[in-house]
Amino acid sequence: MTDSQKEQRRTALAWSGGVCEVCGKPLGAHAQAAHRIANTEPNRRKWGAWIIDSPLNVGYTCSLECNQSLNIGMDKGACLELVQKILRYEQKKFIDPM
């Protein structure tokens, strides 16, 4: 796992507040980092590594079932909304760095 991936997961876990983003159950020993847009080579070519590696593309779930529910890869509109959210998030780093 790269340093970028470790940071991505730490940020997503902190944002989750210790609960599953799908069902709201407390995260236990089987918590999973789930990509909203899957971390695959085709998706990296399509969306770019910086979208796939964004902390906003990762959520924490309590189970494989909830992990799959977080996947928006087949919904182009949802993917584009997430990309816009990531763009705004990244843009704020440069426009308002404080």
C-alpha atoms as a PDB file:
ATOM      1  CA  MET A   1       0.000   0.000   0.000  1.00  0.00           C
ATOM      2  CA  THR A   2       1.382   3.386  -0.963  1.00  0.00           C
ATOM      3  CA  ASP A   3       1.656   6.371   1.382  1.00  0.00           C
ATOM      4  CA  SER A   4      -1.088   8.060  -0.653  1.00  0.00           C
ATOM      5  CA  GLN A   5      -3.409   5.088  -0.156  1.00  0.00           C
ATOM      6  CA  LYS A   6      -2.667   5.004   3.576  1.00  0.00           C
ATOM      7  CA  GLU A   7      -3.476   8.711   3.861  1.00  0.00           C
ATOM      8  CA  GLN A   8      -6.646   8.226   1.802  1.00  0.00           C
ATOM      9  CA  ARG A   9      -7.845   5.516   4.173  1.00  0.00           C
ATOM     10  CA  ARG A  10      -6.919   7.427   7.350  1.00  0.00           C
ATOM     11  CA  THR A  11      -8.860  10.460   6.129  1.00  0.00           C
ATOM     12  CA  ALA A  12     -11.890   8.402   5.108  1.00  0.00           C
ATOM     13  CA  LEU A  13     -11.899   6.580   8.451  1.00  0.00           C
ATOM     14  CA  ALA A  14     -11.741   9.869  10.343  1.00  0.00           C
ATOM     15  CA  TRP A  15     -14.609  11.268   8.271  1.00  0.00           C
ATOM     16  CA  SER A  16     -16.736   8.148   8.875  1.00  0.00           C
ATOM     17  CA  GLY A  17     -16.965   8.847  12.596  1.00  0.00           C
ATOM     18  CA  GLY A  18     -16.551   5.141  13.287  1.00  0.00           C
ATOM     19  CA  VAL A  19     -19.835   4.096  11.695  1.00  0.00           C
ATOM     20  CA  CYS A  20     -20.712   2.374   8.417  1.00  0.00           C
ATOM     21  CA  GLU A  21     -21.563   4.932   5.733  1.00  0.00           C
ATOM     22  CA  VAL A  22     -24.331   2.702   4.361  1.00  0.00           C
ATOM     23  CA  CYS A  23     -26.202   1.270   7.345  1.00  0.00           C
ATOM     24  CA  GLY A  24     -24.857   3.346  10.266  1.00  0.00           C
ATOM     25  CA  LYS A  25     -23.683   0.370  12.334  1.00  0.00           C
ATOM     26  CA  PRO A  26     -20.487   0.832  14.358  1.00  0.00           C
ATOM     27  CA  LEU A  27     -17.389  -0.256  12.459  1.00  0.00           C
ATOM     28  CA  GLY A  28     -15.900  -3.412  13.913  1.00  0.00           C
ATOM     29  CA  ALA A  29     -12.963  -5.646  13.185  1.00  0.00           C
ATOM     30  CA  HIS A  30     -14.300  -6.383   9.691  1.00  0.00           C
ATOM     31  CA  ALA A  31     -14.517  -2.750   8.582  1.00  0.00           C
ATOM     32  CA  GLN A  32     -13.667  -2.237   4.935  1.00  0.00           C
ATOM     33  CA  ALA A  33     -12.454   0.738   2.954  1.00  0.00           C
ATOM     34  CA  ALA A  34     -14.832   0.851  -0.015  1.00  0.00           C
ATOM     35  CA  HIS A  35     -14.218   2.808  -3.195  1.00  0.00           C
ATOM     36  CA  ARG A  36     -17.256   4.575  -4.589  1.00  0.00           C
ATOM     37  CA  ILE A  37     -15.651   4.367  -8.051  1.00  0.00           C
ATOM     38  CA  ALA A  38     -13.732   1.080  -7.991  1.00  0.00           C
ATOM     39  CA  ASN A  39      -9.950   1.096  -7.880  1.00  0.00           C
ATOM     40  CA  THR A  40      -9.373  -0.657 -11.212  1.00  0.00           C
ATOM     41  CA  GLU A  41      -6.990   0.013 -14.100  1.00  0.00           C
ATOM     42  CA  PRO A  42      -9.880   0.864 -16.498  1.00  0.00           C
ATOM     43  CA  ASN A  43     -11.278   3.364 -13.963  1.00  0.00           C
ATOM     44  CA  ARG A  44      -7.818   4.864 -13.411  1.00  0.00           C
ATOM     45  CA  ARG A  45      -7.540   5.402 -17.174  1.00  0.00           C
ATOM     46  CA  LYS A  46     -11.076   6.792 -17.403  1.00  0.00           C
ATOM     47  CA  TRP A  47     -11.198   9.037 -14.314  1.00  0.00           C
ATOM     48  CA  GLY A  48      -7.531   9.470 -13.405  1.00  0.00           C
ATOM     49  CA  ALA A  49      -5.596   8.245 -10.403  1.00  0.00           C
ATOM     50  CA  TRP A  50      -6.186  11.464  -8.471  1.00  0.00           C
ATOM     51  CA  ILE A  51      -9.980  10.833  -8.588  1.00  0.00           C
ATOM     52  CA  ILE A  52      -9.650   7.173  -7.616  1.00  0.00           C
ATOM     53  CA  ASP A  53      -7.138   8.024  -4.865  1.00  0.00           C
ATOM     54  CA  SER A  54      -9.161  10.912  -3.432  1.00  0.00           C
ATOM     55  CA  PRO A  55     -10.315  10.473   0.171  1.00  0.00           C
ATOM     56  CA  LEU A  56     -13.778  11.474  -1.069  1.00  0.00           C
ATOM     57  CA  ASN A  57     -13.856   8.332  -3.230  1.00  0.00           C
ATOM     58  CA  VAL A  58     -13.458   6.072  -0.176  1.00  0.00           C
ATOM     59  CA  GLY A  59     -15.963   5.275   2.510  1.00  0.00           C
ATOM     60  CA  TYR A  60     -15.852   2.851   5.400  1.00  0.00           C
ATOM     61  CA  THR A  61     -18.365   0.031   5.570  1.00  0.00           C
ATOM     62  CA  CYS A  62     -19.099  -2.748   8.048  1.00  0.00           C
ATOM     63  CA  SER A  63     -19.532  -5.609   5.572  1.00  0.00           C
ATOM     64  CA  LEU A  64     -19.069  -6.780   2.002  1.00  0.00           C
ATOM     65  CA  GLU A  65     -22.773  -6.149   1.392  1.00  0.00           C
ATOM     66  CA  CYS A  66     -22.494  -2.512   2.478  1.00  0.00           C
ATOM     67  CA  ASN A  67     -19.217  -2.219   0.536  1.00  0.00           C
ATOM     68  CA  GLN A  68     -21.029  -3.177  -2.667  1.00  0.00           C
ATOM     69  CA  SER A  69     -23.862  -0.742  -1.878  1.00  0.00           C
ATOM     70  CA  LEU A  70     -21.354   2.125  -1.825  1.00  0.00           C
ATOM     71  CA  ASN A  71     -20.226   1.326  -5.407  1.00  0.00           C
ATOM     72  CA  ILE A  72     -21.525   3.983  -7.829  1.00  0.00           C
ATOM     73  CA  GLY A  73     -19.415   2.871 -10.791  1.00  0.00           C
ATOM     74  CA  MET A  74     -22.372   1.906 -12.977  1.00  0.00           C
ATOM     75  CA  ASP A  75     -24.192   5.222 -12.412  1.00  0.00           C
ATOM     76  CA  LYS A  76     -22.502   7.756 -14.682  1.00  0.00           C
ATOM     77  CA  GLY A  77     -24.446  10.651 -13.168  1.00  0.00           C
ATOM     78  CA  ALA A  78     -23.403   9.717  -9.628  1.00  0.00           C
ATOM     79  CA  CYS A  79     -19.796   9.339 -10.791  1.00  0.00           C
ATOM     80  CA  LEU A  80     -19.848  12.792 -12.380  1.00  0.00           C
ATOM     81  CA  GLU A  81     -21.334  14.300  -9.199  1.00  0.00           C
ATOM     82  CA  LEU A  82     -18.537  12.720  -7.164  1.00  0.00           C
ATOM     83  CA  VAL A  83     -15.908  13.995  -9.613  1.00  0.00           C
ATOM     84  CA  GLN A  84     -17.353  17.510  -9.289  1.00  0.00           C
ATOM     85  CA  LYS A  85     -17.244  17.219  -5.488  1.00  0.00           C
ATOM     86  CA  ILE A  86     -13.604  16.083  -5.653  1.00  0.00           C
ATOM     87  CA  LEU A  87     -12.752  18.958  -8.013  1.00  0.00           C
ATOM     88  CA  ARG A  88     -14.295  21.494  -5.605  1.00  0.00           C
ATOM     89  CA  TYR A  89     -12.491  19.871  -2.658  1.00  0.00           C
ATOM     90  CA  GLU A  90      -9.131  20.004  -4.453  1.00  0.00           C
ATOM     91  CA  GLN A  91      -9.753  23.528  -5.770  1.00  0.00           C
ATOM     92  CA  LYS A  92     -10.270  24.851  -2.231  1.00  0.00           C
ATOM     93  CA  LYS A  93      -6.720  23.794  -1.392  1.00  0.00           C
ATOM     94  CA  PHE A  94      -5.426  26.299  -3.917  1.00  0.00           C
ATOM     95  CA  ILE A  95      -7.982  29.080  -3.622  1.00  0.00           C
ATOM     96  CA  ASP A  96      -8.377  29.155   0.157  1.00  0.00           C
ATOM     97  CA  PRO A  97      -5.392  27.321   1.653  1.00  0.00           C
ATOM     98  CA  MET A  98      -6.223  28.386   5.225  1.00  0.00           C
END
